[in-house]
C-alpha atoms as a PDB file:
ATOM      1  CA  MET A   1     -19.093  23.723 -79.722  1.00  0.00           C
ATOM      2  CA  ARG A   2     -18.589  20.348 -78.467  1.00  0.00           C
ATOM      3  CA  ALA A   3     -14.823  21.325 -77.698  1.00  0.00           C
ATOM      4  CA  LEU A   4     -16.169  24.292 -75.894  1.00  0.00           C
ATOM      5  CA  ALA A   5     -17.893  22.068 -73.404  1.00  0.00           C
ATOM      6  CA  ILE A   6     -15.282  19.687 -72.929  1.00  0.00           C
ATOM      7  CA  GLY A   7     -13.022  22.472 -72.395  1.00  0.00           C
ATOM      8  CA  GLY A   8     -15.235  24.117 -69.580  1.00  0.00           C
ATOM      9  CA  PHE A   9     -15.606  20.373 -67.834  1.00  0.00           C
ATOM     10  CA  LEU A  10     -11.936  20.086 -67.970  1.00  0.00           C
ATOM     11  CA  THR A  11     -11.583  23.698 -66.449  1.00  0.00           C
ATOM     12  CA  ALA A  12     -13.961  22.958 -64.029  1.00  0.00           C
ATOM     13  CA  LEU A  13     -12.343  19.523 -63.051  1.00  0.00           C
ATOM     14  CA  LEU A  14      -9.255  21.233 -62.264  1.00  0.00           C
ATOM     15  CA  LEU A  15     -10.656  24.388 -60.374  1.00  0.00           C
ATOM     16  CA  PHE A  16     -11.978  21.586 -57.837  1.00  0.00           C
ATOM     17  CA  ALA A  17      -8.783  19.496 -57.876  1.00  0.00           C
ATOM     18  CA  ALA A  18      -6.998  22.809 -56.871  1.00  0.00           C
ATOM     19  CA  VAL A  19      -9.482  23.796 -54.254  1.00  0.00           C
ATOM     20  CA  GLU A  20      -9.528  20.369 -52.418  1.00  0.00           C
ATOM     21  CA  TRP A  21      -5.787  20.513 -52.551  1.00  0.00           C
ATOM     22  CA  ALA A  22      -5.912  23.893 -51.043  1.00  0.00           C
ATOM     23  CA  ALA A  23      -8.272  22.665 -48.278  1.00  0.00           C
ATOM     24  CA  ARG A  24      -6.400  19.600 -47.106  1.00  0.00           C
ATOM     25  CA  ARG A  25      -3.249  21.624 -46.600  1.00  0.00           C
ATOM     26  CA  GLU A  26      -2.050  22.251 -43.163  1.00  0.00           C
ATOM     27  CA  GLY A  27      -3.698  24.942 -41.364  1.00  0.00           C
ATOM     28  CA  SER A  28      -6.075  25.720 -44.390  1.00  0.00           C
ATOM     29  CA  ARG A  29      -9.441  27.651 -43.595  1.00  0.00           C
ATOM     30  CA  ILE A  30     -10.701  25.973 -46.829  1.00  0.00           C
ATOM     31  CA  PRO A  31     -13.291  23.262 -46.011  1.00  0.00           C
ATOM     32  CA  SER A  32     -12.768  20.330 -48.266  1.00  0.00           C
ATOM     33  CA  LEU A  33     -15.645  18.291 -50.067  1.00  0.00           C
ATOM     34  CA  ALA A  34     -15.801  16.118 -47.196  1.00  0.00           C
ATOM     35  CA  ASP A  35     -16.415  18.612 -44.585  1.00  0.00           C
ATOM     36  CA  VAL A  36     -19.295  20.532 -46.791  1.00  0.00           C
ATOM     37  CA  CYS A  37     -21.141  17.311 -47.407  1.00  0.00           C
ATOM     38  CA  ALA A  38     -20.939  16.294 -43.558  1.00  0.00           C
ATOM     39  CA  PHE A  39     -22.422  19.781 -42.969  1.00  0.00           C
ATOM     40  CA  VAL A  40     -25.304  19.557 -45.575  1.00  0.00           C
ATOM     41  CA  MET A  41     -26.052  15.951 -44.261  1.00  0.00           C
ATOM     42  CA  ARG A  42     -26.618  17.120 -41.048  1.00  0.00           C
ATOM     43  CA  TYR A  43     -29.163  20.085 -42.124  1.00  0.00           C
ATOM     44  CA  GLU A  44     -33.069  19.229 -40.827  1.00  0.00           C
ATOM     45  CA  VAL A  45     -36.007  21.022 -40.842  1.00  0.00           C
ATOM     46  CA  GLY A  46     -37.813  19.485 -38.106  1.00  0.00           C
ATOM     47  CA  PRO A  47     -38.003  16.048 -38.424  1.00  0.00           C
ATOM     48  CA  VAL A  48     -37.117  16.282 -42.268  1.00  0.00           C
ATOM     49  CA  PRO A  49     -33.796  15.384 -43.242  1.00  0.00           C
ATOM     50  CA  VAL A  50     -33.604  18.044 -45.770  1.00  0.00           C
ATOM     51  CA  GLY A  51     -29.947  18.099 -46.392  1.00  0.00           C
ATOM     52  CA  ARG A  52     -29.778  14.262 -47.340  1.00  0.00           C
ATOM     53  CA  ILE A  53     -33.067  14.893 -49.438  1.00  0.00           C
ATOM     54  CA  GLY A  54     -31.246  17.410 -51.667  1.00  0.00           C
ATOM     55  CA  LEU A  55     -27.661  15.719 -51.691  1.00  0.00           C
ATOM     56  CA  PHE A  56     -29.835  12.943 -52.803  1.00  0.00           C
ATOM     57  CA  GLY A  57     -31.592  14.743 -55.494  1.00  0.00           C
ATOM     58  CA  PHE A  58     -28.321  16.540 -56.510  1.00  0.00           C
ATOM     59  CA  TRP A  59     -26.820  12.830 -57.128  1.00  0.00           C
ATOM     60  CA  TRP A  60     -29.781  11.582 -59.151  1.00  0.00           C
ATOM     61  CA  TRP A  61     -29.747  14.976 -61.324  1.00  0.00           C
ATOM     62  CA  LEU A  62     -26.195  14.288 -62.078  1.00  0.00           C
ATOM     63  CA  GLY A  63     -26.557  10.750 -62.800  1.00  0.00           C
ATOM     64  CA  TRP A  64     -29.883  11.427 -64.995  1.00  0.00           C
ATOM     65  CA  HIS A  65     -27.910  14.058 -66.907  1.00  0.00           C
ATOM     66  CA  PHE A  66     -24.465  12.829 -67.350  1.00  0.00           C
ATOM     67  CA  LEU A  67     -24.672   9.095 -67.319  1.00  0.00           C
ATOM     68  CA  ALA A  68     -27.638   7.712 -68.576  1.00  0.00           C
ATOM     69  CA  ARG A  69     -28.139   6.862 -71.931  1.00  0.00           C
END
């Protein structure tokens, strides 16, 4: 079961790298990770920066589940 989880994470990492590589090619219409993060960070509902709060919450969740020991 552990090997299956590791294989899944490696597959996801390789797919992420392939999409990022494709996004950085000349004339590509695929947004890069930086473009997606910039779009999310600009999202607001009234005066509340919902995108920034959501991105912060995502990084907190990621760190809590994968980096805390």
